[in-house]
Amino acid sequence: QRWLGDYQLTVATPVFPTSEYATWGAMVSQAAAVHLEYKTPQI
């Protein structure tokens, strides 16, 4: 959370996402945001 400036994060999938992969991508994006606390990641 003490990262200087905007925090950018790549979420990568092995295939073009189905609804299942899209759900997993949202879950890991939310996990990163919870750990960052006050700094929302740019995905």
PDB file of all heavy atoms in Angstrom:
ATOM      1  N   GLN A   1       0.821  -1.213   0.000  1.00  0.00           N
ATOM      2  CA  GLN A   1       0.000   0.000   0.000  1.00  0.00           C
ATOM      3  C   GLN A   1       0.849   1.255   0.000  1.00  0.00           C
ATOM      4  O   GLN A   1       0.350   2.351  -0.285  1.00  0.00           O
ATOM      5  CB  GLN A   1      -0.918   0.005   1.226  1.00  0.00           C
ATOM      6  CG  GLN A   1      -0.167  -0.011   2.543  1.00  0.00           C
ATOM      7  CD  GLN A   1      -1.100   0.015   3.727  1.00  0.00           C
ATOM      8  OE1 GLN A   1      -1.528   1.074   4.151  1.00  0.00           O
ATOM      9  NE2 GLN A   1      -1.417  -1.147   4.254  1.00  0.00           N
ATOM     10  N   ARG A   2       2.146   1.143   0.313  1.00  0.00           N
ATOM     11  CA  ARG A   2       3.031   2.305   0.327  1.00  0.00           C
ATOM     12  C   ARG A   2       3.727   2.500  -1.020  1.00  0.00           C
ATOM     13  O   ARG A   2       4.692   3.244  -1.131  1.00  0.00           O
ATOM     14  CB  ARG A   2       4.062   2.139   1.439  1.00  0.00           C
ATOM     15  CG  ARG A   2       3.429   2.119   2.821  1.00  0.00           C
ATOM     16  CD  ARG A   2       4.250   1.383   3.839  1.00  0.00           C
ATOM     17  NE  ARG A   2       4.456  -0.005   3.456  1.00  0.00           N
ATOM     18  CZ  ARG A   2       4.912  -0.935   4.299  1.00  0.00           C
ATOM     19  NH1 ARG A   2       5.182  -0.625   5.538  1.00  0.00           N
ATOM     20  NH2 ARG A   2       5.098  -2.172   3.889  1.00  0.00           N
ATOM     21  N   TRP A   3       3.222   1.835  -2.029  1.00  0.00           N
ATOM     22  CA  TRP A   3       3.758   1.979  -3.387  1.00  0.00           C
ATOM     23  C   TRP A   3       3.636   3.423  -3.837  1.00  0.00           C
ATOM     24  O   TRP A   3       2.601   4.066  -3.678  1.00  0.00           O
ATOM     25  CB  TRP A   3       2.974   1.061  -4.322  1.00  0.00           C
ATOM     26  CG  TRP A   3       3.525   0.969  -5.708  1.00  0.00           C
ATOM     27  CD1 TRP A   3       3.198   1.751  -6.767  1.00  0.00           C
ATOM     28  CD2 TRP A   3       4.489   0.030  -6.191  1.00  0.00           C
ATOM     29  NE1 TRP A   3       3.887   1.365  -7.878  1.00  0.00           N
ATOM     30  CE2 TRP A   3       4.691   0.300  -7.557  1.00  0.00           C
ATOM     31  CE3 TRP A   3       5.195  -1.020  -5.610  1.00  0.00           C
ATOM     32  CZ2 TRP A   3       5.565  -0.431  -8.344  1.00  0.00           C
ATOM     33  CZ3 TRP A   3       6.066  -1.753  -6.386  1.00  0.00           C
ATOM     34  CH2 TRP A   3       6.244  -1.464  -7.744  1.00  0.00           C
ATOM     35  N   LEU A   4       4.703   3.955  -4.422  1.00  0.00           N
ATOM     36  CA  LEU A   4       4.713   5.342  -4.854  1.00  0.00           C
ATOM     37  C   LEU A   4       4.002   5.471  -6.203  1.00  0.00           C
ATOM     38  O   LEU A   4       4.385   4.845  -7.180  1.00  0.00           O
ATOM     39  CB  LEU A   4       6.155   5.842  -4.971  1.00  0.00           C
ATOM     40  CG  LEU A   4       6.332   7.336  -5.242  1.00  0.00           C
ATOM     41  CD1 LEU A   4       5.844   8.151  -4.054  1.00  0.00           C
ATOM     42  CD2 LEU A   4       7.795   7.653  -5.530  1.00  0.00           C
ATOM     43  N   GLY A   5       2.962   6.271  -6.253  1.00  0.00           N
ATOM     44  CA  GLY A   5       2.224   6.473  -7.500  1.00  0.00           C
ATOM     45  C   GLY A   5       1.197   5.382  -7.736  1.00  0.00           C
ATOM     46  O   GLY A   5       0.831   4.616  -6.849  1.00  0.00           O
ATOM     47  N   ASP A   6       0.704   5.290  -8.973  1.00  0.00           N
ATOM     48  CA  ASP A   6      -0.308   4.299  -9.327  1.00  0.00           C
ATOM     49  C   ASP A   6       0.301   2.905  -9.358  1.00  0.00           C
ATOM     50  O   ASP A   6       1.428   2.712  -9.817  1.00  0.00           O
ATOM     51  CB  ASP A   6      -0.908   4.621 -10.704  1.00  0.00           C
ATOM     52  CG  ASP A   6      -1.648   5.942 -10.709  1.00  0.00           C
ATOM     53  OD1 ASP A   6      -2.200   6.316  -9.665  1.00  0.00           O
ATOM     54  OD2 ASP A   6      -1.668   6.606 -11.762  1.00  0.00           O
ATOM     55  N   TYR A   7      -0.465   1.921  -8.865  1.00  0.00           N
ATOM     56  CA  TYR A   7      -0.021   0.536  -8.906  1.00  0.00           C
ATOM     57  C   TYR A   7      -0.722  -0.164 -10.065  1.00  0.00           C
ATOM     58  O   TYR A   7      -1.956  -0.239 -10.110  1.00  0.00           O
ATOM     59  CB  TYR A   7      -0.325  -0.188  -7.598  1.00  0.00           C
ATOM     60  CG  TYR A   7       0.134  -1.628  -7.612  1.00  0.00           C
ATOM     61  CD1 TYR A   7       1.472  -1.946  -7.408  1.00  0.00           C
ATOM     62  CD2 TYR A   7      -0.766  -2.669  -7.854  1.00  0.00           C
ATOM     63  CE1 TYR A   7       1.910  -3.261  -7.438  1.00  0.00           C
ATOM     64  CE2 TYR A   7      -0.340  -3.980  -7.886  1.00  0.00           C
ATOM     65  CZ  TYR A   7       0.994  -4.277  -7.680  1.00  0.00           C
ATOM     66  OH  TYR A   7       1.421  -5.584  -7.720  1.00  0.00           O
ATOM     67  N   GLN A   8       0.060  -0.664 -11.011  1.00  0.00           N
ATOM     68  CA  GLN A   8      -0.484  -1.337 -12.187  1.00  0.00           C
ATOM     69  C   GLN A   8      -0.201  -2.836 -12.102  1.00  0.00           C
ATOM     70  O   GLN A   8       0.897  -3.244 -11.725  1.00  0.00           O
ATOM     71  CB  GLN A   8       0.126  -0.752 -13.459  1.00  0.00           C
ATOM     72  CG  GLN A   8      -0.207   0.726 -13.653  1.00  0.00           C
ATOM     73  CD  GLN A   8       0.365   1.293 -14.933  1.00  0.00           C
ATOM     74  OE1 GLN A   8       1.357   0.793 -15.461  1.00  0.00           O
ATOM     75  NE2 GLN A   8      -0.262   2.346 -15.451  1.00  0.00           N
ATOM     76  N   LEU A   9      -1.204  -3.623 -12.466  1.00  0.00           N
ATOM     77  CA  LEU A   9      -1.126  -5.073 -12.318  1.00  0.00           C
ATOM     78  C   LEU A   9      -1.691  -5.733 -13.570  1.00  0.00           C
ATOM     79  O   LEU A   9      -2.769  -5.363 -14.042  1.00  0.00           O
ATOM     80  CB  LEU A   9      -1.926  -5.513 -11.092  1.00  0.00           C
ATOM     81  CG  LEU A   9      -2.034  -7.010 -10.820  1.00  0.00           C
ATOM     82  CD1 LEU A   9      -0.672  -7.589 -10.419  1.00  0.00           C
ATOM     83  CD2 LEU A   9      -3.064  -7.286  -9.725  1.00  0.00           C
ATOM     84  N   THR A  10      -0.958  -6.710 -14.092  1.00  0.00           N
ATOM     85  CA  THR A  10      -1.445  -7.493 -15.218  1.00  0.00           C
ATOM     86  C   THR A  10      -2.047  -8.793 -14.711  1.00  0.00           C
ATOM     87  O   THR A  10      -1.412  -9.522 -13.939  1.00  0.00           O
ATOM     88  CB  THR A  10      -0.297  -7.819 -16.196  1.00  0.00           C
ATOM     89  OG1 THR A  10       0.242  -6.606 -16.709  1.00  0.00           O
ATOM     90  CG2 THR A  10      -0.802  -8.663 -17.356  1.00  0.00           C
ATOM     91  N   VAL A  11      -3.270  -9.070 -15.122  1.00  0.00           N
ATOM     92  CA  VAL A  11      -3.891 -10.378 -14.874  1.00  0.00           C
ATOM     93  C   VAL A  11      -3.896 -11.108 -16.208  1.00  0.00           C
ATOM     94  O   VAL A  11      -4.496 -10.652 -17.184  1.00  0.00           O
ATOM     95  CB  VAL A  11      -5.316 -10.234 -14.314  1.00  0.00           C
ATOM     96  CG1 VAL A  11      -5.964 -11.603 -14.160  1.00  0.00           C
ATOM     97  CG2 VAL A  11      -5.290  -9.502 -12.973  1.00  0.00           C
ATOM     98  N   ALA A  12      -3.183 -12.238 -16.260  1.00  0.00           N
ATOM     99  CA  ALA A  12      -2.984 -12.963 -17.516  1.00  0.00           C
ATOM    100  C   ALA A  12      -3.684 -14.313 -17.456  1.00  0.00           C
ATOM    101  O   ALA A  12      -3.674 -14.994 -16.428  1.00  0.00           O
ATOM    102  CB  ALA A  12      -1.487 -13.151 -17.787  1.00  0.00           C
ATOM    103  N   THR A  13      -4.286 -14.680 -18.578  1.00  0.00           N
ATOM    104  CA  THR A  13      -4.991 -15.960 -18.687  1.00  0.00           C
ATOM    105  C   THR A  13      -4.425 -16.740 -19.876  1.00  0.00           C
ATOM    106  O   THR A  13      -3.971 -16.141 -20.859  1.00  0.00           O
ATOM    107  CB  THR A  13      -6.501 -15.731 -18.892  1.00  0.00           C
ATOM    108  OG1 THR A  13      -6.701 -14.907 -20.053  1.00  0.00           O
ATOM    109  CG2 THR A  13      -7.111 -15.042 -17.686  1.00  0.00           C
ATOM    110  N   PRO A  14      -4.455 -18.078 -19.826  1.00  0.00           N
ATOM    111  CA  PRO A  14      -3.895 -18.864 -20.925  1.00  0.00           C
ATOM    112  C   PRO A  14      -4.781 -18.896 -22.166  1.00  0.00           C
ATOM    113  O   PRO A  14      -4.312 -19.244 -23.254  1.00  0.00           O
ATOM    114  CB  PRO A  14      -3.753 -20.259 -20.323  1.00  0.00           C
ATOM    115  CG  PRO A  14      -4.795 -20.317 -19.261  1.00  0.00           C
ATOM    116  CD  PRO A  14      -4.894 -18.927 -18.702  1.00  0.00           C
ATOM    117  N   VAL A  15      -6.057 -18.567 -22.005  1.00  0.00           N
ATOM    118  CA  VAL A  15      -6.999 -18.552 -23.127  1.00  0.00           C
ATOM    119  C   VAL A  15      -7.815 -17.271 -23.029  1.00  0.00           C
ATOM    120  O   VAL A  15      -7.816 -16.586 -21.999  1.00  0.00           O
ATOM    121  CB  VAL A  15      -7.946 -19.772 -23.091  1.00  0.00           C
ATOM    122  CG1 VAL A  15      -7.170 -21.064 -23.265  1.00  0.00           C
ATOM    123  CG2 VAL A  15      -8.735 -19.804 -21.776  1.00  0.00           C
ATOM    124  N   PHE A  16      -8.515 -16.947 -24.132  1.00  0.00           N
ATOM    125  CA  PHE A  16      -9.390 -15.794 -24.047  1.00  0.00           C
ATOM    126  C   PHE A  16     -10.527 -16.129 -23.085  1.00  0.00           C
ATOM    127  O   PHE A  16     -11.173 -17.173 -23.228  1.00  0.00           O
ATOM    128  CB  PHE A  16      -9.936 -15.404 -25.415  1.00  0.00           C
ATOM    129  CG  PHE A  16      -9.678 -13.958 -25.701  1.00  0.00           C
ATOM    130  CD1 PHE A  16      -8.513 -13.558 -26.334  1.00  0.00           C
ATOM    131  CD2 PHE A  16     -10.583 -12.999 -25.285  1.00  0.00           C
ATOM    132  CE1 PHE A  16      -8.263 -12.217 -26.573  1.00  0.00           C
ATOM    133  CE2 PHE A  16     -10.338 -11.654 -25.518  1.00  0.00           C
ATOM    134  CZ  PHE A  16      -9.175 -11.263 -26.162  1.00  0.00           C
ATOM    135  N   PRO A  17     -10.762 -15.282 -22.072  1.00  0.00           N
ATOM    136  CA  PRO A  17     -11.561 -15.694 -20.928  1.00  0.00           C
ATOM    137  C   PRO A  17     -12.984 -16.112 -21.249  1.00  0.00           C
ATOM    138  O   PRO A  17     -13.707 -15.430 -21.970  1.00  0.00           O
ATOM    139  CB  PRO A  17     -11.545 -14.449 -20.030  1.00  0.00           C
ATOM    140  CG  PRO A  17     -10.294 -13.756 -20.396  1.00  0.00           C
ATOM    141  CD  PRO A  17     -10.149 -13.969 -21.870  1.00  0.00           C
ATOM    142  N   THR A  18     -13.358 -17.227 -20.670  1.00  0.00           N
ATOM    143  CA  THR A  18     -14.756 -17.613 -20.545  1.00  0.00           C
ATOM    144  C   THR A  18     -15.292 -16.935 -19.289  1.00  0.00           C
ATOM    145  O   THR A  18     -14.568 -16.219 -18.593  1.00  0.00           O
ATOM    146  CB  THR A  18     -14.863 -19.128 -20.414  1.00  0.00           C
ATOM    147  OG1 THR A  18     -14.128 -19.534 -19.235  1.00  0.00           O
ATOM    148  CG2 THR A  18     -14.268 -19.830 -21.622  1.00  0.00           C
ATOM    149  N   SER A  19     -16.560 -17.166 -18.973  1.00  0.00           N
ATOM    150  CA  SER A  19     -17.123 -16.586 -17.758  1.00  0.00           C
ATOM    151  C   SER A  19     -16.388 -17.090 -16.524  1.00  0.00           C
ATOM    152  O   SER A  19     -16.220 -16.362 -15.540  1.00  0.00           O
ATOM    153  CB  SER A  19     -18.618 -16.904 -17.661  1.00  0.00           C
ATOM    154  OG  SER A  19     -18.833 -18.303 -17.678  1.00  0.00           O
ATOM    155  N   GLU A  20     -15.908 -18.340 -16.566  1.00  0.00           N
ATOM    156  CA  GLU A  20     -15.175 -18.909 -15.447  1.00  0.00           C
ATOM    157  C   GLU A  20     -13.844 -18.186 -15.245  1.00  0.00           C
ATOM    158  O   GLU A  20     -13.486 -17.795 -14.128  1.00  0.00           O
ATOM    159  CB  GLU A  20     -14.941 -20.401 -15.704  1.00  0.00           C
ATOM    160  CG  GLU A  20     -14.489 -21.190 -14.495  1.00  0.00           C
ATOM    161  CD  GLU A  20     -14.528 -22.681 -14.789  1.00  0.00           C
ATOM    162  OE1 GLU A  20     -13.969 -23.111 -15.824  1.00  0.00           O
ATOM    163  OE2 GLU A  20     -15.128 -23.424 -13.980  1.00  0.00           O
ATOM    164  N   TYR A  21     -13.110 -17.983 -16.331  1.00  0.00           N
ATOM    165  CA  TYR A  21     -11.838 -17.269 -16.234  1.00  0.00           C
ATOM    166  C   TYR A  21     -12.060 -15.809 -15.837  1.00  0.00           C
ATOM    167  O   TYR A  21     -11.254 -15.227 -15.100  1.00  0.00           O
ATOM    168  CB  TYR A  21     -11.080 -17.357 -17.553  1.00  0.00           C
ATOM    169  CG  TYR A  21     -10.110 -18.515 -17.608  1.00  0.00           C
ATOM    170  CD1 TYR A  21     -10.473 -19.722 -18.197  1.00  0.00           C
ATOM    171  CD2 TYR A  21      -8.852 -18.404 -17.052  1.00  0.00           C
ATOM    172  CE1 TYR A  21      -9.595 -20.793 -18.238  1.00  0.00           C
ATOM    173  CE2 TYR A  21      -7.956 -19.463 -17.089  1.00  0.00           C
ATOM    174  CZ  TYR A  21      -8.330 -20.658 -17.681  1.00  0.00           C
ATOM    175  OH  TYR A  21      -7.453 -21.711 -17.714  1.00  0.00           O
ATOM    176  N   ALA A  22     -13.124 -15.213 -16.316  1.00  0.00           N
ATOM    177  CA  ALA A  22     -13.423 -13.830 -15.938  1.00  0.00           C
ATOM    178  C   ALA A  22     -13.681 -13.721 -14.440  1.00  0.00           C
ATOM    179  O   ALA A  22     -13.250 -12.764 -13.784  1.00  0.00           O
ATOM    180  CB  ALA A  22     -14.624 -13.321 -16.729  1.00  0.00           C
ATOM    181  N   THR A  23     -14.376 -14.722 -13.875  1.00  0.00           N
ATOM    182  CA  THR A  23     -14.628 -14.743 -12.431  1.00  0.00           C
ATOM    183  C   THR A  23     -13.323 -14.856 -11.664  1.00  0.00           C
ATOM    184  O   THR A  23     -13.092 -14.132 -10.687  1.00  0.00           O
ATOM    185  CB  THR A  23     -15.558 -15.912 -12.066  1.00  0.00           C
ATOM    186  OG1 THR A  23     -16.790 -15.785 -12.787  1.00  0.00           O
ATOM    187  CG2 THR A  23     -15.844 -15.933 -10.575  1.00  0.00           C
ATOM    188  N   TRP A  24     -12.445 -15.747 -12.088  1.00  0.00           N
ATOM    189  CA  TRP A  24     -11.160 -15.899 -11.401  1.00  0.00           C
ATOM    190  C   TRP A  24     -10.339 -14.617 -11.484  1.00  0.00           C
ATOM    191  O   TRP A  24      -9.694 -14.217 -10.513  1.00  0.00           O
ATOM    192  CB  TRP A  24     -10.374 -17.065 -12.001  1.00  0.00           C
ATOM    193  CG  TRP A  24     -11.038 -18.394 -11.852  1.00  0.00           C
ATOM    194  CD1 TRP A  24     -12.001 -18.739 -10.960  1.00  0.00           C
ATOM    195  CD2 TRP A  24     -10.811 -19.558 -12.655  1.00  0.00           C
ATOM    196  NE1 TRP A  24     -12.388 -20.046 -11.133  1.00  0.00           N
ATOM    197  CE2 TRP A  24     -11.667 -20.571 -12.174  1.00  0.00           C
ATOM    198  CE3 TRP A  24      -9.961 -19.847 -13.732  1.00  0.00           C
ATOM    199  CZ2 TRP A  24     -11.692 -21.853 -12.726  1.00  0.00           C
ATOM    200  CZ3 TRP A  24      -9.983 -21.123 -14.277  1.00  0.00           C
ATOM    201  CH2 TRP A  24     -10.842 -22.122 -13.786  1.00  0.00           C
ATOM    202  N   GLY A  25     -10.355 -13.967 -12.640  1.00  0.00           N
ATOM    203  CA  GLY A  25      -9.623 -12.712 -12.779  1.00  0.00           C
ATOM    204  C   GLY A  25     -10.129 -11.649 -11.822  1.00  0.00           C
ATOM    205  O   GLY A  25      -9.348 -10.887 -11.242  1.00  0.00           O
ATOM    206  N   ALA A  26     -11.456 -11.572 -11.650  1.00  0.00           N
ATOM    207  CA  ALA A  26     -12.028 -10.612 -10.703  1.00  0.00           C
ATOM    208  C   ALA A  26     -11.633 -10.959  -9.274  1.00  0.00           C
ATOM    209  O   ALA A  26     -11.343 -10.069  -8.456  1.00  0.00           O
ATOM    210  CB  ALA A  26     -13.545 -10.586 -10.843  1.00  0.00           C
ATOM    211  N   MET A  27     -11.603 -12.244  -8.955  1.00  0.00           N
ATOM    212  CA  MET A  27     -11.259 -12.665  -7.594  1.00  0.00           C
ATOM    213  C   MET A  27      -9.828 -12.297  -7.236  1.00  0.00           C
ATOM    214  O   MET A  27      -9.554 -11.799  -6.137  1.00  0.00           O
ATOM    215  CB  MET A  27     -11.490 -14.171  -7.439  1.00  0.00           C
ATOM    216  CG  MET A  27     -12.953 -14.573  -7.519  1.00  0.00           C
ATOM    217  SD  MET A  27     -13.205 -16.368  -7.647  1.00  0.00           S
ATOM    218  CE  MET A  27     -12.667 -16.898  -6.027  1.00  0.00           C
ATOM    219  N   VAL A  28      -8.881 -12.510  -8.147  1.00  0.00           N
ATOM    220  CA  VAL A  28      -7.491 -12.175  -7.831  1.00  0.00           C
ATOM    221  C   VAL A  28      -7.287 -10.660  -7.847  1.00  0.00           C
ATOM    222  O   VAL A  28      -6.454 -10.133  -7.099  1.00  0.00           O
ATOM    223  CB  VAL A  28      -6.506 -12.889  -8.785  1.00  0.00           C
ATOM    224  CG1 VAL A  28      -6.625 -14.399  -8.638  1.00  0.00           C
ATOM    225  CG2 VAL A  28      -6.705 -12.468 -10.234  1.00  0.00           C
ATOM    226  N   SER A  29      -8.045  -9.939  -8.681  1.00  0.00           N
ATOM    227  CA  SER A  29      -7.970  -8.473  -8.676  1.00  0.00           C
ATOM    228  C   SER A  29      -8.462  -7.928  -7.343  1.00  0.00           C
ATOM    229  O   SER A  29      -7.877  -6.993  -6.779  1.00  0.00           O
ATOM    230  CB  SER A  29      -8.796  -7.885  -9.820  1.00  0.00           C
ATOM    231  OG  SER A  29      -8.324  -8.325 -11.077  1.00  0.00           O
ATOM    232  N   GLN A  30      -9.543  -8.511  -6.822  1.00  0.00           N
ATOM    233  CA  GLN A  30     -10.042  -8.085  -5.521  1.00  0.00           C
ATOM    234  C   GLN A  30      -9.057  -8.431  -4.412  1.00  0.00           C
ATOM    235  O   GLN A  30      -8.862  -7.652  -3.472  1.00  0.00           O
ATOM    236  CB  GLN A  30     -11.397  -8.735  -5.240  1.00  0.00           C
ATOM    237  CG  GLN A  30     -12.540  -8.162  -6.043  1.00  0.00           C
ATOM    238  CD  GLN A  30     -13.895  -8.497  -5.442  1.00  0.00           C
ATOM    239  OE1 GLN A  30     -14.133  -9.603  -4.961  1.00  0.00           O
ATOM    240  NE2 GLN A  30     -14.792  -7.524  -5.452  1.00  0.00           N
ATOM    241  N   ALA A  31      -8.413  -9.598  -4.520  1.00  0.00           N
ATOM    242  CA  ALA A  31      -7.418  -9.984  -3.511  1.00  0.00           C
ATOM    243  C   ALA A  31      -6.277  -8.980  -3.475  1.00  0.00           C
ATOM    244  O   ALA A  31      -5.825  -8.558  -2.401  1.00  0.00           O
ATOM    245  CB  ALA A  31      -6.887 -11.385  -3.801  1.00  0.00           C
ATOM    246  N   ALA A  32      -5.787  -8.567  -4.647  1.00  0.00           N
ATOM    247  CA  ALA A  32      -4.717  -7.564  -4.703  1.00  0.00           C
ATOM    248  C   ALA A  32      -5.181  -6.252  -4.079  1.00  0.00           C
ATOM    249  O   ALA A  32      -4.433  -5.614  -3.326  1.00  0.00           O
ATOM    250  CB  ALA A  32      -4.281  -7.345  -6.147  1.00  0.00           C
ATOM    251  N   ALA A  33      -6.420  -5.839  -4.353  1.00  0.00           N
ATOM    252  CA  ALA A  33      -6.934  -4.583  -3.808  1.00  0.00           C
ATOM    253  C   ALA A  33      -7.055  -4.635  -2.292  1.00  0.00           C
ATOM    254  O   ALA A  33      -6.783  -3.650  -1.602  1.00  0.00           O
ATOM    255  CB  ALA A  33      -8.300  -4.265  -4.438  1.00  0.00           C
ATOM    256  N   VAL A  34      -7.460  -5.788  -1.741  1.00  0.00           N
ATOM    257  CA  VAL A  34      -7.579  -5.928  -0.290  1.00  0.00           C
ATOM    258  C   VAL A  34      -6.211  -5.793   0.376  1.00  0.00           C
ATOM    259  O   VAL A  34      -6.065  -5.137   1.411  1.00  0.00           O
ATOM    260  CB  VAL A  34      -8.235  -7.276   0.068  1.00  0.00           C
ATOM    261  CG1 VAL A  34      -8.091  -7.580   1.553  1.00  0.00           C
ATOM    262  CG2 VAL A  34      -9.708  -7.263  -0.319  1.00  0.00           C
ATOM    263  N   HIS A  35      -5.175  -6.393  -0.224  1.00  0.00           N
ATOM    264  CA  HIS A  35      -3.833  -6.279   0.351  1.00  0.00           C
ATOM    265  C   HIS A  35      -3.288  -4.854   0.198  1.00  0.00           C
ATOM    266  O   HIS A  35      -2.564  -4.373   1.071  1.00  0.00           O
ATOM    267  CB  HIS A  35      -2.889  -7.276  -0.307  1.00  0.00           C
ATOM    268  CG  HIS A  35      -3.152  -8.700   0.092  1.00  0.00           C
ATOM    269  ND1 HIS A  35      -2.909  -9.173   1.362  1.00  0.00           N
ATOM    270  CD2 HIS A  35      -3.652  -9.752  -0.601  1.00  0.00           C
ATOM    271  CE1 HIS A  35      -3.241 -10.452   1.433  1.00  0.00           C
ATOM    272  NE2 HIS A  35      -3.703 -10.825   0.252  1.00  0.00           N
ATOM    273  N   LEU A  36      -3.637  -4.175  -0.889  1.00  0.00           N
ATOM    274  CA  LEU A  36      -3.169  -2.805  -1.093  1.00  0.00           C
ATOM    275  C   LEU A  36      -3.907  -1.800  -0.211  1.00  0.00           C
ATOM    276  O   LEU A  36      -3.433  -0.678  -0.014  1.00  0.00           O
ATOM    277  CB  LEU A  36      -3.342  -2.411  -2.565  1.00  0.00           C
ATOM    278  CG  LEU A  36      -2.351  -3.056  -3.530  1.00  0.00           C
ATOM    279  CD1 LEU A  36      -2.848  -2.944  -4.964  1.00  0.00           C
ATOM    280  CD2 LEU A  36      -0.979  -2.417  -3.410  1.00  0.00           C
ATOM    281  N   GLU A  37      -5.076  -2.177   0.277  1.00  0.00           N
ATOM    282  CA  GLU A  37      -5.905  -1.404   1.205  1.00  0.00           C
ATOM    283  C   GLU A  37      -6.396  -0.094   0.603  1.00  0.00           C
ATOM    284  O   GLU A  37      -7.553   0.019   0.231  1.00  0.00           O
ATOM    285  CB  GLU A  37      -5.164  -1.147   2.524  1.00  0.00           C
ATOM    286  CG  GLU A  37      -4.950  -2.422   3.327  1.00  0.00           C
ATOM    287  CD  GLU A  37      -4.449  -2.143   4.720  1.00  0.00           C
ATOM    288  OE1 GLU A  37      -4.709  -1.051   5.249  1.00  0.00           O
ATOM    289  OE2 GLU A  37      -3.777  -3.023   5.291  1.00  0.00           O
ATOM    290  N   TYR A  38      -5.562   0.943   0.536  1.00  0.00           N
ATOM    291  CA  TYR A  38      -6.039   2.260   0.116  1.00  0.00           C
ATOM    292  C   TYR A  38      -5.568   2.639  -1.284  1.00  0.00           C
ATOM    293  O   TYR A  38      -5.693   3.787  -1.687  1.00  0.00           O
ATOM    294  CB  TYR A  38      -5.567   3.328   1.112  1.00  0.00           C
ATOM    295  CG  TYR A  38      -5.992   3.022   2.526  1.00  0.00           C
ATOM    296  CD1 TYR A  38      -5.069   2.630   3.484  1.00  0.00           C
ATOM    297  CD2 TYR A  38      -7.328   3.101   2.897  1.00  0.00           C
ATOM    298  CE1 TYR A  38      -5.454   2.333   4.777  1.00  0.00           C
ATOM    299  CE2 TYR A  38      -7.726   2.803   4.182  1.00  0.00           C
ATOM    300  CZ  TYR A  38      -6.793   2.428   5.128  1.00  0.00           C
ATOM    301  OH  TYR A  38      -7.189   2.133   6.409  1.00  0.00           O
ATOM    302  N   LYS A  39      -5.043   1.711  -2.025  1.00  0.00           N
ATOM    303  CA  LYS A  39      -4.527   2.019  -3.354  1.00  0.00           C
ATOM    304  C   LYS A  39      -5.113   0.996  -4.326  1.00  0.00           C
ATOM    305  O   LYS A  39      -4.665  -0.147  -4.376  1.00  0.00           O
ATOM    306  CB  LYS A  39      -2.998   1.974  -3.361  1.00  0.00           C
ATOM    307  CG  LYS A  39      -2.373   2.429  -4.668  1.00  0.00           C
ATOM    308  CD  LYS A  39      -0.867   2.354  -4.593  1.00  0.00           C
ATOM    309  CE  LYS A  39      -0.289   3.378  -3.672  1.00  0.00           C
ATOM    310  NZ  LYS A  39      -0.455   4.756  -4.172  1.00  0.00           N
ATOM    311  N   THR A  40      -6.113   1.384  -5.078  1.00  0.00           N
ATOM    312  CA  THR A  40      -6.768   0.457  -5.995  1.00  0.00           C
ATOM    313  C   THR A  40      -5.860   0.162  -7.188  1.00  0.00           C
ATOM    314  O   THR A  40      -5.342   1.079  -7.819  1.00  0.00           O
ATOM    315  CB  THR A  40      -8.080   1.059  -6.516  1.00  0.00           C
ATOM    316  OG1 THR A  40      -8.842   1.538  -5.414  1.00  0.00           O
ATOM    317  CG2 THR A  40      -8.888   0.011  -7.268  1.00  0.00           C
ATOM    318  N   PRO A  41      -5.637  -1.114  -7.510  1.00  0.00           N
ATOM    319  CA  PRO A  41      -4.772  -1.425  -8.660  1.00  0.00           C
ATOM    320  C   PRO A  41      -5.454  -1.096  -9.981  1.00  0.00           C
ATOM    321  O   PRO A  41      -6.665  -1.267 -10.138  1.00  0.00           O
ATOM    322  CB  PRO A  41      -4.541  -2.932  -8.520  1.00  0.00           C
ATOM    323  CG  PRO A  41      -5.735  -3.437  -7.763  1.00  0.00           C
ATOM    324  CD  PRO A  41      -6.132  -2.326  -6.832  1.00  0.00           C
ATOM    325  N   GLN A  42      -4.653  -0.624 -10.924  1.00  0.00           N
ATOM    326  CA  GLN A  42      -5.108  -0.474 -12.305  1.00  0.00           C
ATOM    327  C   GLN A  42      -4.820  -1.791 -13.015  1.00  0.00           C
ATOM    328  O   GLN A  42      -3.668  -2.197 -13.140  1.00  0.00           O
ATOM    329  CB  GLN A  42      -4.373   0.671 -12.995  1.00  0.00           C
ATOM    330  CG  GLN A  42      -4.667   2.031 -12.409  1.00  0.00           C
ATOM    331  CD  GLN A  42      -3.943   3.147 -13.144  1.00  0.00           C
ATOM    332  OE1 GLN A  42      -3.157   2.905 -14.050  1.00  0.00           O
ATOM    333  NE2 GLN A  42      -4.205   4.382 -12.757  1.00  0.00           N
ATOM    334  N   ILE A  43      -5.873  -2.457 -13.485  1.00  0.00           N
ATOM    335  CA  ILE A  43      -5.736  -3.812 -14.010  1.00  0.00           C
ATOM    336  C   ILE A  43      -5.590  -3.794 -15.530  1.00  0.00           C
ATOM    337  O   ILE A  43      -6.301  -3.057 -16.236  1.00  0.00           O
ATOM    338  CB  ILE A  43      -6.956  -4.675 -13.617  1.00  0.00           C
ATOM    339  CG1 ILE A  43      -7.164  -4.632 -12.097  1.00  0.00           C
ATOM    340  CG2 ILE A  43      -6.762  -6.107 -14.083  1.00  0.00           C
ATOM    341  CD1 ILE A  43      -6.032  -5.197 -11.277  1.00  0.00           C
TER     342      ILE A  43
END
